[in-house]
Amino acid sequence: QVQLVESGGGLVQAGGSLRLSCAASGSIFKIATMGWYQQAPGKQREFVARISSGGSADYADSAKGRFTISRDKAKNTVYLQMNSLKPEDTAVYYCTGVGIWGQGTQVTVSS
């Protein structure tokens, strides 16, 4: 079964850090570009970061300099390291690849 499962969300104070994980089942994800998106209450889902199978990454302007996306192909897992978190980063974060979406993980940043 091909699926993505996110974890690592939680409640953190502004300025803090979290690392999100996206565990993939299915070998297809090892050769796929994988991405992270966020969806805040009442807003559309927005791009945060993506990483190619070769490791090239790009980021939304809001994430540049604070977030880092990485992947471990041996573990078939994609990560999103989030530093210097702000209250406006509060959202559900979703992992995606090859048209598949995970269930999301909630990130809440208190001021």
Foldseek 3Di string as FASTA:
>chain_A
DWAKAKDWADEEAAQAKIKMKIQTDDLVLLQWKKFKWWDAPPGDIGGAKIAGNVGDMDGDPVQPPFWDWGDDSVRNMIMIIGGRDDQVRFTWMWMDTPHHIHPTDTHGYHD
